[in-house]
C-alpha atoms as a PDB file:
ATOM      1  CA  MET A   1     190.530 150.883 105.194  1.00  0.00           C
ATOM      2  CA  GLY A   2     187.558 149.425 104.065  1.00  0.00           C
ATOM      3  CA  SER A   3     183.399 149.676 103.665  1.00  0.00           C
ATOM      4  CA  LEU A   4     180.375 147.296 104.087  1.00  0.00           C
ATOM      5  CA  HIS A   5     177.586 148.487 101.575  1.00  0.00           C
ATOM      6  CA  PRO A   6     174.037 146.932 102.689  1.00  0.00           C
ATOM      7  CA  MET A   7     172.053 146.238  99.438  1.00  0.00           C
ATOM      8  CA  MET A   8     168.770 147.949 101.277  1.00  0.00           C
ATOM      9  CA  THR A   9     166.316 150.701 101.256  1.00  0.00           C
ATOM     10  CA  PHE A  10     166.307 152.370 104.837  1.00  0.00           C
ATOM     11  CA  VAL A  11     163.496 154.535 105.594  1.00  0.00           C
ATOM     12  CA  PRO A  12     161.937 156.182 108.773  1.00  0.00           C
ATOM     13  CA  GLY A  13     159.413 153.954 110.534  1.00  0.00           C
ATOM     14  CA  VAL A  14     160.002 150.789 108.441  1.00  0.00           C
ATOM     15  CA  ARG A  15     162.276 148.122 109.948  1.00  0.00           C
ATOM     16  CA  VAL A  16     164.405 145.650 108.134  1.00  0.00           C
ATOM     17  CA  ARG A  17     165.822 142.568 108.854  1.00  0.00           C
ATOM     18  CA  MET A  18     169.439 142.827 108.047  1.00  0.00           C
ATOM     19  CA  ALA A  19     169.699 138.411 107.889  1.00  0.00           C
ATOM     20  CA  GLU A  20     167.702 139.214 104.539  1.00  0.00           C
ATOM     21  CA  VAL A  21     170.223 141.811 103.557  1.00  0.00           C
ATOM     22  CA  PRO A  22     173.012 141.033 100.919  1.00  0.00           C
ATOM     23  CA  PHE A  23     176.149 143.032 102.182  1.00  0.00           C
ATOM     24  CA  ALA A  24     179.302 143.934  99.433  1.00  0.00           C
ATOM     25  CA  ILE A  25     182.614 144.049 101.166  1.00  0.00           C
ATOM     26  CA  GLU A  26     185.713 145.950 100.125  1.00  0.00           C
ATOM     27  CA  GLY A  27     189.120 147.371 101.368  1.00  0.00           C
ATOM     28  CA  ASP A  28     192.049 145.937 103.277  1.00  0.00           C
ATOM     29  CA  ARG A  29     192.628 142.551 104.753  1.00  0.00           C
ATOM     30  CA  GLU A  30     191.858 143.848 108.041  1.00  0.00           C
ATOM     31  CA  ALA A  31     189.075 145.655 107.116  1.00  0.00           C
ATOM     32  CA  VAL A  32     187.654 143.058 105.113  1.00  0.00           C
ATOM     33  CA  ARG A  33     187.908 140.604 108.211  1.00  0.00           C
ATOM     34  CA  VAL A  34     186.030 143.088 110.209  1.00  0.00           C
ATOM     35  CA  ALA A  35     183.346 143.438 107.909  1.00  0.00           C
ATOM     36  CA  ARG A  36     182.915 139.650 107.390  1.00  0.00           C
ATOM     37  CA  ARG A  37     182.235 138.952 111.362  1.00  0.00           C
ATOM     38  CA  ILE A  38     179.787 141.674 111.582  1.00  0.00           C
ATOM     39  CA  VAL A  39     177.912 139.816 108.357  1.00  0.00           C
ATOM     40  CA  ARG A  40     178.425 136.793 110.048  1.00  0.00           C
ATOM     41  CA  ASP A  41     176.920 138.351 113.376  1.00  0.00           C
ATOM     42  CA  LEU A  42     174.190 139.258 111.217  1.00  0.00           C
ATOM     43  CA  LYS A  43     173.460 136.053 110.116  1.00  0.00           C
ATOM     44  CA  ALA A  44     173.397 137.890 106.289  1.00  0.00           C
ATOM     45  CA  ARG A  45     175.277 137.430 103.153  1.00  0.00           C
ATOM     46  CA  PHE A  46     178.436 138.850 101.718  1.00  0.00           C
ATOM     47  CA  PHE A  47     180.329 139.626  98.937  1.00  0.00           C
ATOM     48  CA  ALA A  48     183.516 140.884  97.402  1.00  0.00           C
ATOM     49  CA  ILE A  49     183.568 144.374  95.431  1.00  0.00           C
ATOM     50  CA  SER A  50     186.502 146.332  94.610  1.00  0.00           C
ATOM     51  CA  LYS A  51     186.562 150.196  95.456  1.00  0.00           C
ATOM     52  CA  ARG A  52     186.563 151.269  91.624  1.00  0.00           C
ATOM     53  CA  ASN A  53     183.093 149.341  91.345  1.00  0.00           C
ATOM     54  CA  LYS A  54     181.486 151.213  94.543  1.00  0.00           C
ATOM     55  CA  PRO A  55     179.576 153.579  92.030  1.00  0.00           C
ATOM     56  CA  LEU A  56     177.928 151.511  90.015  1.00  0.00           C
ATOM     57  CA  TYR A  57     177.404 149.407  92.945  1.00  0.00           C
ATOM     58  CA  HIS A  58     175.335 152.110  94.252  1.00  0.00           C
ATOM     59  CA  ALA A  59     174.037 152.961  91.029  1.00  0.00           C
ATOM     60  CA  PHE A  60     172.664 149.295  90.902  1.00  0.00           C
ATOM     61  CA  GLY A  61     170.727 149.915  94.337  1.00  0.00           C
ATOM     62  CA  SER A  62     169.065 153.143  92.663  1.00  0.00           C
ATOM     63  CA  PHE A  63     167.985 151.311  90.010  1.00  0.00           C
ATOM     64  CA  SER A  64     166.556 148.319  92.319  1.00  0.00           C
ATOM     65  CA  SER A  65     164.848 151.127  94.919  1.00  0.00           C
ATOM     66  CA  PRO A  66     164.466 154.914  94.650  1.00  0.00           C
ATOM     67  CA  MET A  67     164.522 154.796  90.685  1.00  0.00           C
ATOM     68  CA  VAL A  68     161.831 152.062  90.933  1.00  0.00           C
ATOM     69  CA  ILE A  69     159.819 154.682  92.976  1.00  0.00           C
ATOM     70  CA  ALA A  70     160.320 157.805  90.991  1.00  0.00           C
ATOM     71  CA  THR A  71     158.794 155.650  87.937  1.00  0.00           C
ATOM     72  CA  LEU A  72     155.793 154.309  90.302  1.00  0.00           C
ATOM     73  CA  ALA A  73     155.461 157.913  91.114  1.00  0.00           C
ATOM     74  CA  MET A  74     155.118 159.133  87.698  1.00  0.00           C
ATOM     75  CA  ALA A  75     152.820 156.155  86.785  1.00  0.00           C
ATOM     76  CA  GLU A  76     150.548 157.979  89.633  1.00  0.00           C
ATOM     77  CA  ARG A  77     151.023 161.214  87.776  1.00  0.00           C
ATOM     78  CA  VAL A  78     149.816 159.775  84.520  1.00  0.00           C
ATOM     79  CA  ALA A  79     147.077 158.109  85.982  1.00  0.00           C
ATOM     80  CA  ALA A  80     146.101 161.782  87.537  1.00  0.00           C
ATOM     81  CA  ALA A  81     146.176 163.125  84.199  1.00  0.00           C
ATOM     82  CA  ALA A  82     143.941 160.054  83.012  1.00  0.00           C
ATOM     83  CA  GLY A  83     141.552 160.850  85.547  1.00  0.00           C
ATOM     84  CA  VAL A  84     142.004 157.805  87.863  1.00  0.00           C
ATOM     85  CA  PRO A  85     140.588 158.919  91.243  1.00  0.00           C
ATOM     86  CA  ALA A  86     143.551 159.676  93.733  1.00  0.00           C
ATOM     87  CA  ARG A  87     142.261 157.007  96.452  1.00  0.00           C
ATOM     88  CA  MET A  88     142.072 154.589  93.542  1.00  0.00           C
ATOM     89  CA  ARG A  89     145.787 154.954  91.877  1.00  0.00           C
ATOM     90  CA  ARG A  90     147.666 152.775  94.084  1.00  0.00           C
ATOM     91  CA  ASP A  91     145.091 150.437  94.058  1.00  0.00           C
ATOM     92  CA  VAL A  92     144.479 150.107  90.775  1.00  0.00           C
ATOM     93  CA  MET A  93     148.190 149.686  89.363  1.00  0.00           C
ATOM     94  CA  LEU A  94     148.723 147.218  92.451  1.00  0.00           C
ATOM     95  CA  PRO A  95     147.996 143.928  90.379  1.00  0.00           C
ATOM     96  CA  ILE A  96     150.467 145.040  87.329  1.00  0.00           C
ATOM     97  CA  VAL A  97     152.804 145.632  89.633  1.00  0.00           C
ATOM     98  CA  LYS A  98     152.926 142.971  91.937  1.00  0.00           C
ATOM     99  CA  LYS A  99     152.503 140.040  88.858  1.00  0.00           C
ATOM    100  CA  THR A 100     155.191 142.307  86.841  1.00  0.00           C
ATOM    101  CA  PHE A 101     158.030 141.764  89.764  1.00  0.00           C
ATOM    102  CA  ARG A 102     156.727 138.016  90.298  1.00  0.00           C
ATOM    103  CA  ASN A 103     157.299 137.667  86.623  1.00  0.00           C
ATOM    104  CA  TYR A 104     160.643 139.115  86.851  1.00  0.00           C
ATOM    105  CA  LEU A 105     161.456 136.900  90.126  1.00  0.00           C
ATOM    106  CA  GLU A 106     160.198 133.975  88.809  1.00  0.00           C
ATOM    107  CA  ALA A 107     161.817 134.477  85.365  1.00  0.00           C
ATOM    108  CA  SER A 108     163.983 136.673  83.844  1.00  0.00           C
ATOM    109  CA  ALA A 109     163.656 140.488  82.536  1.00  0.00           C
ATOM    110  CA  ASP A 110     163.039 138.970  79.226  1.00  0.00           C
ATOM    111  CA  LYS A 111     159.786 137.371  79.986  1.00  0.00           C
ATOM    112  CA  ALA A 112     158.696 139.726  82.508  1.00  0.00           C
ATOM    113  CA  PHE A 113     158.827 142.406  79.655  1.00  0.00           C
ATOM    114  CA  SER A 114     155.352 143.381  78.294  1.00  0.00           C
ATOM    115  CA  GLY A 115     153.366 145.730  76.318  1.00  0.00           C
ATOM    116  CA  PRO A 116     153.373 148.077  73.381  1.00  0.00           C
ATOM    117  CA  ILE A 117     157.237 148.314  72.977  1.00  0.00           C
ATOM    118  CA  ALA A 118     157.892 144.658  73.430  1.00  0.00           C
ATOM    119  CA  ARG A 119     154.895 143.706  70.748  1.00  0.00           C
ATOM    120  CA  GLY A 120     156.429 146.483  68.524  1.00  0.00           C
ATOM    121  CA  ASP A 121     153.253 148.323  68.528  1.00  0.00           C
ATOM    122  CA  VAL A 122     154.574 151.564  67.285  1.00  0.00           C
ATOM    123  CA  ASN A 123     151.293 153.209  66.591  1.00  0.00           C
ATOM    124  CA  THR A 124     150.399 152.556  70.540  1.00  0.00           C
ATOM    125  CA  ILE A 125     153.771 153.861  71.333  1.00  0.00           C
ATOM    126  CA  ARG A 126     153.139 157.299  69.053  1.00  0.00           C
ATOM    127  CA  ARG A 127     149.685 157.998  71.117  1.00  0.00           C
ATOM    128  CA  HIS A 128     151.360 157.356  74.351  1.00  0.00           C
ATOM    129  CA  LEU A 129     153.898 160.077  73.700  1.00  0.00           C
ATOM    130  CA  LYS A 130     151.665 162.211  72.440  1.00  0.00           C
ATOM    131  CA  ALA A 131     149.503 162.038  75.258  1.00  0.00           C
ATOM    132  CA  LEU A 132     152.174 162.516  77.699  1.00  0.00           C
ATOM    133  CA  ARG A 133     152.764 165.749  76.911  1.00  0.00           C
ATOM    134  CA  THR A 134     150.281 167.209  79.131  1.00  0.00           C
ATOM    135  CA  VAL A 135     152.431 165.415  82.198  1.00  0.00           C
ATOM    136  CA  PRO A 136     155.357 167.470  83.163  1.00  0.00           C
ATOM    137  CA  GLY A 137     158.627 164.985  82.669  1.00  0.00           C
ATOM    138  CA  ALA A 138     156.538 162.381  81.497  1.00  0.00           C
ATOM    139  CA  ARG A 139     157.285 161.892  78.150  1.00  0.00           C
ATOM    140  CA  GLU A 140     160.777 161.957  78.794  1.00  0.00           C
ATOM    141  CA  LEU A 141     160.999 159.390  81.457  1.00  0.00           C
ATOM    142  CA  TYR A 142     158.888 157.574  78.867  1.00  0.00           C
ATOM    143  CA  LEU A 143     161.216 157.977  76.124  1.00  0.00           C
ATOM    144  CA  ALA A 144     164.337 157.230  78.556  1.00  0.00           C
ATOM    145  CA  LEU A 145     163.079 153.936  79.559  1.00  0.00           C
ATOM    146  CA  ALA A 146     161.794 153.070  75.907  1.00  0.00           C
ATOM    147  CA  ARG A 147     165.366 153.319  74.489  1.00  0.00           C
ATOM    148  CA  SER A 148     166.557 151.422  77.429  1.00  0.00           C
ATOM    149  CA  ALA A 149     164.071 148.516  77.020  1.00  0.00           C
ATOM    150  CA  LEU A 150     165.111 148.860  72.946  1.00  0.00           C
ATOM    151  CA  ARG A 151     168.976 148.088  74.015  1.00  0.00           C
ATOM    152  CA  ASN A 152     168.313 145.398  76.662  1.00  0.00           C
ATOM    153  CA  LEU A 153     164.997 143.381  76.024  1.00  0.00           C
ATOM    154  CA  PRO A 154     163.225 141.734  73.365  1.00  0.00           C
ATOM    155  CA  VAL A 155     161.303 143.859  71.244  1.00  0.00           C
ATOM    156  CA  ARG A 156     159.205 142.716  67.959  1.00  0.00           C
ATOM    157  CA  ASN A 157     159.446 145.506  65.103  1.00  0.00           C
ATOM    158  CA  ARG A 158     162.489 146.349  66.512  1.00  0.00           C
ATOM    159  CA  ARG A 159     163.646 148.802  63.608  1.00  0.00           C
ATOM    160  CA  ALA A 160     160.344 150.588  63.336  1.00  0.00           C
ATOM    161  CA  VAL A 161     160.341 151.197  67.566  1.00  0.00           C
ATOM    162  CA  ALA A 162     163.607 152.379  67.178  1.00  0.00           C
ATOM    163  CA  GLN A 163     162.553 154.623  64.320  1.00  0.00           C
ATOM    164  CA  VAL A 164     159.583 156.285  66.658  1.00  0.00           C
ATOM    165  CA  LEU A 165     161.687 156.656  69.683  1.00  0.00           C
ATOM    166  CA  LYS A 166     164.793 158.807  67.440  1.00  0.00           C
ATOM    167  CA  ASN A 167     161.887 160.890  66.089  1.00  0.00           C
ATOM    168  CA  GLU A 168     160.809 161.823  69.253  1.00  0.00           C
END
């Protein structure tokens, strides 16, 4: 028994070049042998993963794609609340999203991280949190992501930011 897990999003109407997709492989010796042959036939890459780590691997995929989309969908809802016309929302955020991903891919998460949390701008963070009360779910997502950033990324004025987030 074994399994082969592509790290890729699959949505209707969109073709994927499987040669560009990394695969996680786990299982018994025979299953791994067959899985490797499949991946090689696809001209793709593979790596081993333990069965017990499959849920974390799947969560890794969720953070890498659908949760990014969930965050962008929330950004569109916040844009709507801010009065950005519907026809412009994606176009308005496209440059910052592209540059953020480019910075991340070319450097690191630490070097791509910017904005009021990175700067430790507690007054702006407070204003964001107050304004986000008007968009259902946005404030909770902001707080969850801000707290994650505080744990995992460089933040100036860390203690003050932590205190603002704790009090919310």
